[in-house]
Amino acid sequence: KPTYGTIQREKIWLVAKDGAIWNIDQFDPEKGRMSKVSIFYKYGSRSIQKRIDVDEVVWTGKEWEFIAGYVRTFRSDGLDATVYFAKKVFPIAETPDDFKKMKIRGEELSLREMYDKIQELGAEGKDTVKNRVELQQRLSYPFISIVLALLAIPLSLRSSRHGGVLFCVGVNLAMGFVFSFLYAMGISLGFGGIFSPVLAAWGPFVFFSSLGFYLIFTLDSEEIIPGFKL
């Protein structure tokens, strides 16, 4: 089953009905026209075995016509063959109506597919910073609740001694907002190439985990955060 969602006209990634991974640079949904399209085919757990690159893909009313492109096939040890074509029709199950609903994001792909995509783009000499940040973001995201819990427990125990339940809730909400802000800022700086992908996604986790353990080990302190008067 394909992965669909809302439309995005540029830099689109999509997993199609047949499992192929599409990369569409520009898409005009009204005219049924795409430009600079790459399609990656993999079978089973193996790496990319076939790839189609084409300048333009046009909907004729009943099928997709590929214009000015080439098909590359791969063996386990590298490139097998490259076949160029001026115009060709490939069996594509999707129609323009399907593509109008598509959602093409890194989170649509499995971790393995994201990694394969990075390897393919890197082999072509293309910039993979954004893709690598998205991969680290996917890996780190499930741990957000763990880090926030690590902070919430000692903060709740401390703040309950100072201002009651409402104060306790307020402190934890504030820390949650701070974490969310730093996490989003780190990802943005990673996309911009200022932070490395690992630092962009995991930096806030390291900082807040360290703070959480510090609060746990100093739980007997009378201050909410030892060294800081609130």
C-alpha atoms as a PDB file:
ATOM      1  CA  LYS A   1       0.000   0.000   0.000  1.00  0.00           C
ATOM      2  CA  PRO A   2       1.436   3.433  -0.896  1.00  0.00           C
ATOM      3  CA  THR A   3       2.205   6.140   1.609  1.00  0.00           C
ATOM      4  CA  TYR A   4       0.090   9.227   0.952  1.00  0.00           C
ATOM      5  CA  GLY A   5      -0.708  12.457   2.738  1.00  0.00           C
ATOM      6  CA  THR A   6      -0.699  16.114   1.769  1.00  0.00           C
ATOM      7  CA  ILE A   7       0.863  17.541  -1.354  1.00  0.00           C
ATOM      8  CA  GLN A   8       4.290  19.055  -1.501  1.00  0.00           C
ATOM      9  CA  ARG A   9       5.454  20.453  -4.826  1.00  0.00           C
ATOM     10  CA  GLU A  10       9.225  20.372  -4.407  1.00  0.00           C
ATOM     11  CA  LYS A  11      11.831  17.875  -3.235  1.00  0.00           C
ATOM     12  CA  ILE A  12       9.327  15.060  -2.861  1.00  0.00           C
ATOM     13  CA  TRP A  13      10.018  11.555  -1.569  1.00  0.00           C
ATOM     14  CA  LEU A  14       7.432   8.807  -1.874  1.00  0.00           C
ATOM     15  CA  VAL A  15       7.130   5.064  -1.340  1.00  0.00           C
ATOM     16  CA  ALA A  16       4.898   3.803  -4.178  1.00  0.00           C
ATOM     17  CA  LYS A  17       2.518   0.841  -4.360  1.00  0.00           C
ATOM     18  CA  ASP A  18       5.210  -1.437  -5.770  1.00  0.00           C
ATOM     19  CA  GLY A  19       7.664  -0.482  -3.009  1.00  0.00           C
ATOM     20  CA  ALA A  20       9.797   1.751  -5.237  1.00  0.00           C
ATOM     21  CA  ILE A  21      11.180   4.947  -3.698  1.00  0.00           C
ATOM     22  CA  TRP A  22      10.492   8.080  -5.760  1.00  0.00           C
ATOM     23  CA  ASN A  23      12.445  11.324  -5.567  1.00  0.00           C
ATOM     24  CA  ILE A  24      10.651  14.130  -7.456  1.00  0.00           C
ATOM     25  CA  ASP A  25      12.324  17.514  -7.733  1.00  0.00           C
ATOM     26  CA  GLN A  26       9.278  19.395  -9.095  1.00  0.00           C
ATOM     27  CA  PHE A  27       5.653  18.295  -9.458  1.00  0.00           C
ATOM     28  CA  ASP A  28       2.764  20.139 -11.143  1.00  0.00           C
ATOM     29  CA  PRO A  29      -0.367  18.261  -9.990  1.00  0.00           C
ATOM     30  CA  GLU A  30      -2.715  20.134 -12.323  1.00  0.00           C
ATOM     31  CA  LYS A  31      -0.773  19.347 -15.491  1.00  0.00           C
ATOM     32  CA  GLY A  32       0.299  15.887 -14.358  1.00  0.00           C
ATOM     33  CA  ARG A  33       3.925  16.729 -15.009  1.00  0.00           C
ATOM     34  CA  MET A  34       7.068  15.967 -13.003  1.00  0.00           C
ATOM     35  CA  SER A  35      10.663  17.024 -13.562  1.00  0.00           C
ATOM     36  CA  LYS A  36      13.989  15.584 -12.430  1.00  0.00           C
ATOM     37  CA  VAL A  37      12.658  12.270 -11.157  1.00  0.00           C
ATOM     38  CA  SER A  38      14.656   9.381  -9.692  1.00  0.00           C
ATOM     39  CA  ILE A  39      13.081   6.014  -8.850  1.00  0.00           C
ATOM     40  CA  PHE A  40      14.878   3.418  -6.728  1.00  0.00           C
ATOM     41  CA  TYR A  41      13.884  -0.256  -6.832  1.00  0.00           C
ATOM     42  CA  LYS A  42      14.989  -2.754  -4.213  1.00  0.00           C
ATOM     43  CA  TYR A  43      13.831  -6.332  -3.763  1.00  0.00           C
ATOM     44  CA  GLY A  44      13.652  -8.024  -0.390  1.00  0.00           C
ATOM     45  CA  SER A  45      16.352  -6.938   2.045  1.00  0.00           C
ATOM     46  CA  ARG A  46      18.913  -6.283  -0.673  1.00  0.00           C
ATOM     47  CA  SER A  47      20.242  -2.841  -1.563  1.00  0.00           C
ATOM     48  CA  ILE A  48      19.164  -0.834  -4.626  1.00  0.00           C
ATOM     49  CA  GLN A  49      19.044  -3.106  -7.682  1.00  0.00           C
ATOM     50  CA  LYS A  50      17.557  -0.774 -10.282  1.00  0.00           C
ATOM     51  CA  ARG A  51      17.331   2.971 -10.656  1.00  0.00           C
ATOM     52  CA  ILE A  52      15.543   5.183 -13.178  1.00  0.00           C
ATOM     53  CA  ASP A  53      16.587   8.817 -13.676  1.00  0.00           C
ATOM     54  CA  VAL A  54      14.560  10.983 -16.026  1.00  0.00           C
ATOM     55  CA  ASP A  55      14.296  14.666 -16.923  1.00  0.00           C
ATOM     56  CA  GLU A  56      10.512  14.674 -17.220  1.00  0.00           C
ATOM     57  CA  VAL A  57       7.520  12.421 -16.515  1.00  0.00           C
ATOM     58  CA  VAL A  58       4.178  13.307 -18.143  1.00  0.00           C
ATOM     59  CA  TRP A  59       0.701  11.806 -17.656  1.00  0.00           C
ATOM     60  CA  THR A  60      -0.826  11.056 -21.086  1.00  0.00           C
ATOM     61  CA  GLY A  61      -4.301  10.306 -19.773  1.00  0.00           C
ATOM     62  CA  LYS A  62      -3.789   6.596 -19.254  1.00  0.00           C
ATOM     63  CA  GLU A  63      -0.084   6.118 -18.464  1.00  0.00           C
ATOM     64  CA  TRP A  64       3.093   7.899 -17.417  1.00  0.00           C
ATOM     65  CA  GLU A  65       5.510   8.756 -20.217  1.00  0.00           C
ATOM     66  CA  PHE A  66       9.172   9.099 -19.229  1.00  0.00           C
ATOM     67  CA  ILE A  67      11.166  11.560 -21.349  1.00  0.00           C
ATOM     68  CA  ALA A  68      14.976  11.743 -21.661  1.00  0.00           C
ATOM     69  CA  GLY A  69      16.413   9.435 -19.072  1.00  0.00           C
ATOM     70  CA  TYR A  70      18.292   6.254 -18.337  1.00  0.00           C
ATOM     71  CA  VAL A  71      17.910   3.002 -16.410  1.00  0.00           C
ATOM     72  CA  ARG A  72      20.752   1.651 -14.316  1.00  0.00           C
ATOM     73  CA  THR A  73      20.872  -1.880 -12.916  1.00  0.00           C
ATOM     74  CA  PHE A  74      23.186  -2.944 -10.109  1.00  0.00           C
ATOM     75  CA  ARG A  75      24.869  -6.117  -8.954  1.00  0.00           C
ATOM     76  CA  SER A  76      25.984  -6.706  -5.389  1.00  0.00           C
ATOM     77  CA  ASP A  77      29.458  -5.430  -6.301  1.00  0.00           C
ATOM     78  CA  GLY A  78      28.383  -2.294  -8.180  1.00  0.00           C
ATOM     79  CA  LEU A  79      26.926  -1.005 -11.443  1.00  0.00           C
ATOM     80  CA  ASP A  80      25.834  -3.654 -13.959  1.00  0.00           C
ATOM     81  CA  ALA A  81      24.491  -1.706 -16.948  1.00  0.00           C
ATOM     82  CA  THR A  82      23.171   1.696 -18.043  1.00  0.00           C
ATOM     83  CA  VAL A  83      20.526   2.022 -20.771  1.00  0.00           C
ATOM     84  CA  TYR A  84      19.545   5.443 -22.117  1.00  0.00           C
ATOM     85  CA  PHE A  85      16.172   6.277 -23.664  1.00  0.00           C
ATOM     86  CA  ALA A  86      14.521   9.293 -25.303  1.00  0.00           C
ATOM     87  CA  LYS A  87      10.942   8.317 -24.464  1.00  0.00           C
ATOM     88  CA  LYS A  88       9.616   5.266 -22.641  1.00  0.00           C
ATOM     89  CA  VAL A  89       6.558   4.047 -20.733  1.00  0.00           C
ATOM     90  CA  PHE A  90       7.010   2.171 -17.455  1.00  0.00           C
ATOM     91  CA  PRO A  91       4.264   0.257 -15.586  1.00  0.00           C
ATOM     92  CA  ILE A  92       3.367   2.733 -12.820  1.00  0.00           C
ATOM     93  CA  ALA A  93       0.265   1.989 -10.735  1.00  0.00           C
ATOM     94  CA  GLU A  94      -0.205   5.547  -9.439  1.00  0.00           C
ATOM     95  CA  THR A  95      -2.352   8.104 -11.260  1.00  0.00           C
ATOM     96  CA  PRO A  96      -2.136  11.919 -10.958  1.00  0.00           C
ATOM     97  CA  ASP A  97      -4.966  11.772  -8.402  1.00  0.00           C
ATOM     98  CA  ASP A  98      -2.804   9.505  -6.249  1.00  0.00           C
ATOM     99  CA  PHE A  99       0.178  11.831  -6.508  1.00  0.00           C
ATOM    100  CA  LYS A 100      -1.993  14.815  -5.555  1.00  0.00           C
ATOM    101  CA  LYS A 101      -2.508  13.192  -2.138  1.00  0.00           C
ATOM    102  CA  MET A 102       1.037  12.142  -1.543  1.00  0.00           C
ATOM    103  CA  LYS A 103       3.157  12.881   1.463  1.00  0.00           C
ATOM    104  CA  ILE A 104       6.863  12.576   0.857  1.00  0.00           C
ATOM    105  CA  ARG A 105       8.852  12.916   4.007  1.00  0.00           C
ATOM    106  CA  GLY A 106      11.822  11.133   5.503  1.00  0.00           C
ATOM    107  CA  GLU A 107       9.617   9.730   8.278  1.00  0.00           C
ATOM    108  CA  GLU A 108       7.603   7.863   5.649  1.00  0.00           C
ATOM    109  CA  LEU A 109      10.594   5.594   5.014  1.00  0.00           C
ATOM    110  CA  SER A 110      11.973   2.882   7.246  1.00  0.00           C
ATOM    111  CA  LEU A 111      15.333   3.497   8.875  1.00  0.00           C
ATOM    112  CA  ARG A 112      16.938   1.118   6.404  1.00  0.00           C
ATOM    113  CA  GLU A 113      15.365   2.941   3.456  1.00  0.00           C
ATOM    114  CA  MET A 114      16.538   6.280   4.832  1.00  0.00           C
ATOM    115  CA  TYR A 115      20.067   4.908   5.187  1.00  0.00           C
ATOM    116  CA  ASP A 116      20.013   3.491   1.646  1.00  0.00           C
ATOM    117  CA  LYS A 117      18.800   6.842   0.334  1.00  0.00           C
ATOM    118  CA  ILE A 118      21.683   8.636   2.060  1.00  0.00           C
ATOM    119  CA  GLN A 119      24.180   6.172   0.618  1.00  0.00           C
ATOM    120  CA  GLU A 120      22.777   6.613  -2.889  1.00  0.00           C
ATOM    121  CA  LEU A 121      22.819  10.408  -2.727  1.00  0.00           C
ATOM    122  CA  GLY A 122      26.286  10.418  -1.194  1.00  0.00           C
ATOM    123  CA  ALA A 123      27.619   8.175  -3.959  1.00  0.00           C
ATOM    124  CA  GLU A 124      26.391  10.769  -6.468  1.00  0.00           C
ATOM    125  CA  GLY A 125      28.190  13.549  -4.651  1.00  0.00           C
ATOM    126  CA  LYS A 126      24.955  15.208  -3.537  1.00  0.00           C
ATOM    127  CA  ASP A 127      24.514  17.003  -0.221  1.00  0.00           C
ATOM    128  CA  THR A 128      23.140  14.574   2.382  1.00  0.00           C
ATOM    129  CA  VAL A 129      23.246  16.825   5.454  1.00  0.00           C
ATOM    130  CA  LYS A 130      19.468  17.218   5.679  1.00  0.00           C
ATOM    131  CA  ASN A 131      18.930  13.492   5.157  1.00  0.00           C
ATOM    132  CA  ARG A 132      21.456  12.568   7.843  1.00  0.00           C
ATOM    133  CA  VAL A 133      19.877  15.005  10.295  1.00  0.00           C
ATOM    134  CA  GLU A 134      16.450  13.492   9.571  1.00  0.00           C
ATOM    135  CA  LEU A 135      17.847  10.011  10.228  1.00  0.00           C
ATOM    136  CA  GLN A 136      19.308  11.057  13.590  1.00  0.00           C
ATOM    137  CA  GLN A 137      16.047  12.835  14.407  1.00  0.00           C
ATOM    138  CA  ARG A 138      14.133   9.623  13.746  1.00  0.00           C
ATOM    139  CA  LEU A 139      16.523   7.674  15.967  1.00  0.00           C
ATOM    140  CA  SER A 140      16.376  10.169  18.834  1.00  0.00           C
ATOM    141  CA  TYR A 141      12.665  11.000  18.850  1.00  0.00           C
ATOM    142  CA  PRO A 142      11.462   7.916  20.821  1.00  0.00           C
ATOM    143  CA  PHE A 143      13.776   8.850  23.697  1.00  0.00           C
ATOM    144  CA  ILE A 144      12.149  12.234  24.346  1.00  0.00           C
ATOM    145  CA  SER A 145       9.653  10.806  26.842  1.00  0.00           C
ATOM    146  CA  ILE A 146      12.453   9.019  28.716  1.00  0.00           C
ATOM    147  CA  VAL A 147      14.527  12.183  29.094  1.00  0.00           C
ATOM    148  CA  LEU A 148      11.524  14.253  30.171  1.00  0.00           C
ATOM    149  CA  ALA A 149      10.604  11.591  32.742  1.00  0.00           C
ATOM    150  CA  LEU A 150      14.190  11.627  34.007  1.00  0.00           C
ATOM    151  CA  LEU A 151      13.770  15.362  34.594  1.00  0.00           C
ATOM    152  CA  ALA A 152      10.194  15.267  35.844  1.00  0.00           C
ATOM    153  CA  ILE A 153      10.737  12.847  38.728  1.00  0.00           C
ATOM    154  CA  PRO A 154      13.398  14.798  40.676  1.00  0.00           C
ATOM    155  CA  LEU A 155      11.842  18.161  39.779  1.00  0.00           C
ATOM    156  CA  SER A 156       8.451  16.986  41.020  1.00  0.00           C
ATOM    157  CA  LEU A 157       9.890  15.777  44.312  1.00  0.00           C
ATOM    158  CA  ARG A 158      11.772  19.025  44.822  1.00  0.00           C
ATOM    159  CA  SER A 159       9.111  21.489  43.701  1.00  0.00           C
ATOM    160  CA  SER A 160       6.383  19.757  45.743  1.00  0.00           C
ATOM    161  CA  ARG A 161       8.326  20.783  48.849  1.00  0.00           C
ATOM    162  CA  HIS A 162       8.338  24.419  47.745  1.00  0.00           C
ATOM    163  CA  GLY A 163       5.054  25.313  46.099  1.00  0.00           C
ATOM    164  CA  GLY A 164       2.617  22.424  45.976  1.00  0.00           C
ATOM    165  CA  VAL A 165       1.060  20.623  43.032  1.00  0.00           C
ATOM    166  CA  LEU A 166       0.472  23.615  40.742  1.00  0.00           C
ATOM    167  CA  PHE A 167       4.022  24.844  41.157  1.00  0.00           C
ATOM    168  CA  CYS A 168       5.270  21.317  40.463  1.00  0.00           C
ATOM    169  CA  VAL A 169       3.221  21.103  37.245  1.00  0.00           C
ATOM    170  CA  GLY A 170       4.395  24.553  36.163  1.00  0.00           C
ATOM    171  CA  VAL A 171       8.073  23.714  36.621  1.00  0.00           C
ATOM    172  CA  ASN A 172       7.751  20.490  34.622  1.00  0.00           C
ATOM    173  CA  LEU A 173       5.842  22.213  31.822  1.00  0.00           C
ATOM    174  CA  ALA A 174       8.497  24.916  31.671  1.00  0.00           C
ATOM    175  CA  MET A 175      11.273  22.332  31.385  1.00  0.00           C
ATOM    176  CA  GLY A 176       9.303  20.525  28.686  1.00  0.00           C
ATOM    177  CA  PHE A 177       8.986  23.738  26.667  1.00  0.00           C
ATOM    178  CA  VAL A 178      12.693  24.481  27.078  1.00  0.00           C
ATOM    179  CA  PHE A 179      13.596  20.985  25.882  1.00  0.00           C
ATOM    180  CA  SER A 180      11.251  21.259  22.879  1.00  0.00           C
ATOM    181  CA  PHE A 181      12.706  24.644  21.945  1.00  0.00           C
ATOM    182  CA  LEU A 182      16.316  23.453  22.167  1.00  0.00           C
ATOM    183  CA  TYR A 183      15.509  20.248  20.287  1.00  0.00           C
ATOM    184  CA  ALA A 184      13.822  22.150  17.444  1.00  0.00           C
ATOM    185  CA  MET A 185      16.638  24.704  17.356  1.00  0.00           C
ATOM    186  CA  GLY A 186      19.250  21.939  17.247  1.00  0.00           C
ATOM    187  CA  ILE A 187      17.513  20.269  14.301  1.00  0.00           C
ATOM    188  CA  SER A 188      17.298  23.606  12.470  1.00  0.00           C
ATOM    189  CA  LEU A 189      20.995  24.281  13.044  1.00  0.00           C
ATOM    190  CA  GLY A 190      21.726  20.770  11.816  1.00  0.00           C
ATOM    191  CA  PHE A 191      19.781  21.393   8.601  1.00  0.00           C
ATOM    192  CA  GLY A 192      21.816  24.564   8.163  1.00  0.00           C
ATOM    193  CA  GLY A 193      25.078  22.655   8.549  1.00  0.00           C
ATOM    194  CA  ILE A 194      26.100  24.541  11.704  1.00  0.00           C
ATOM    195  CA  PHE A 195      25.788  21.455  13.938  1.00  0.00           C
ATOM    196  CA  SER A 196      26.728  17.928  12.953  1.00  0.00           C
ATOM    197  CA  PRO A 197      23.710  15.595  12.491  1.00  0.00           C
ATOM    198  CA  VAL A 198      24.529  13.719  15.712  1.00  0.00           C
ATOM    199  CA  LEU A 199      24.951  16.886  17.784  1.00  0.00           C
ATOM    200  CA  ALA A 200      21.829  18.454  16.265  1.00  0.00           C
ATOM    201  CA  ALA A 201      19.578  15.559  17.272  1.00  0.00           C
ATOM    202  CA  TRP A 202      21.256  14.267  20.425  1.00  0.00           C
ATOM    203  CA  GLY A 203      22.730  17.425  21.982  1.00  0.00           C
ATOM    204  CA  PRO A 204      19.602  18.326  24.013  1.00  0.00           C
ATOM    205  CA  PHE A 205      19.329  14.715  25.195  1.00  0.00           C
ATOM    206  CA  VAL A 206      22.872  14.731  26.564  1.00  0.00           C
ATOM    207  CA  PHE A 207      22.348  18.061  28.328  1.00  0.00           C
ATOM    208  CA  PHE A 208      18.966  17.237  29.879  1.00  0.00           C
ATOM    209  CA  SER A 209      19.957  13.674  30.788  1.00  0.00           C
ATOM    210  CA  SER A 210      23.000  15.048  32.606  1.00  0.00           C
ATOM    211  CA  LEU A 211      20.781  17.580  34.374  1.00  0.00           C
ATOM    212  CA  GLY A 212      18.304  14.842  35.315  1.00  0.00           C
ATOM    213  CA  PHE A 213      20.982  12.617  36.845  1.00  0.00           C
ATOM    214  CA  TYR A 214      22.456  15.615  38.647  1.00  0.00           C
ATOM    215  CA  LEU A 215      19.070  16.401  40.188  1.00  0.00           C
ATOM    216  CA  ILE A 216      18.604  12.776  41.225  1.00  0.00           C
ATOM    217  CA  PHE A 217      22.016  12.581  42.894  1.00  0.00           C
ATOM    218  CA  THR A 218      21.390  15.867  44.748  1.00  0.00           C
ATOM    219  CA  LEU A 219      17.817  15.052  45.727  1.00  0.00           C
ATOM    220  CA  ASP A 220      18.406  15.960  49.382  1.00  0.00           C
ATOM    221  CA  SER A 221      19.144  19.581  48.509  1.00  0.00           C
ATOM    222  CA  GLU A 222      16.620  22.167  49.670  1.00  0.00           C
ATOM    223  CA  GLU A 223      16.875  24.031  46.380  1.00  0.00           C
ATOM    224  CA  ILE A 224      14.813  23.029  43.323  1.00  0.00           C
ATOM    225  CA  ILE A 225      17.944  23.152  41.180  1.00  0.00           C
ATOM    226  CA  PRO A 226      21.067  23.185  43.372  1.00  0.00           C
ATOM    227  CA  GLY A 227      23.066  26.326  42.727  1.00  0.00           C
ATOM    228  CA  PHE A 228      20.035  28.233  41.361  1.00  0.00           C
ATOM    229  CA  LYS A 229      17.586  30.112  43.543  1.00  0.00           C
ATOM    230  CA  LEU A 230      13.997  29.954  42.224  1.00  0.00           C
END
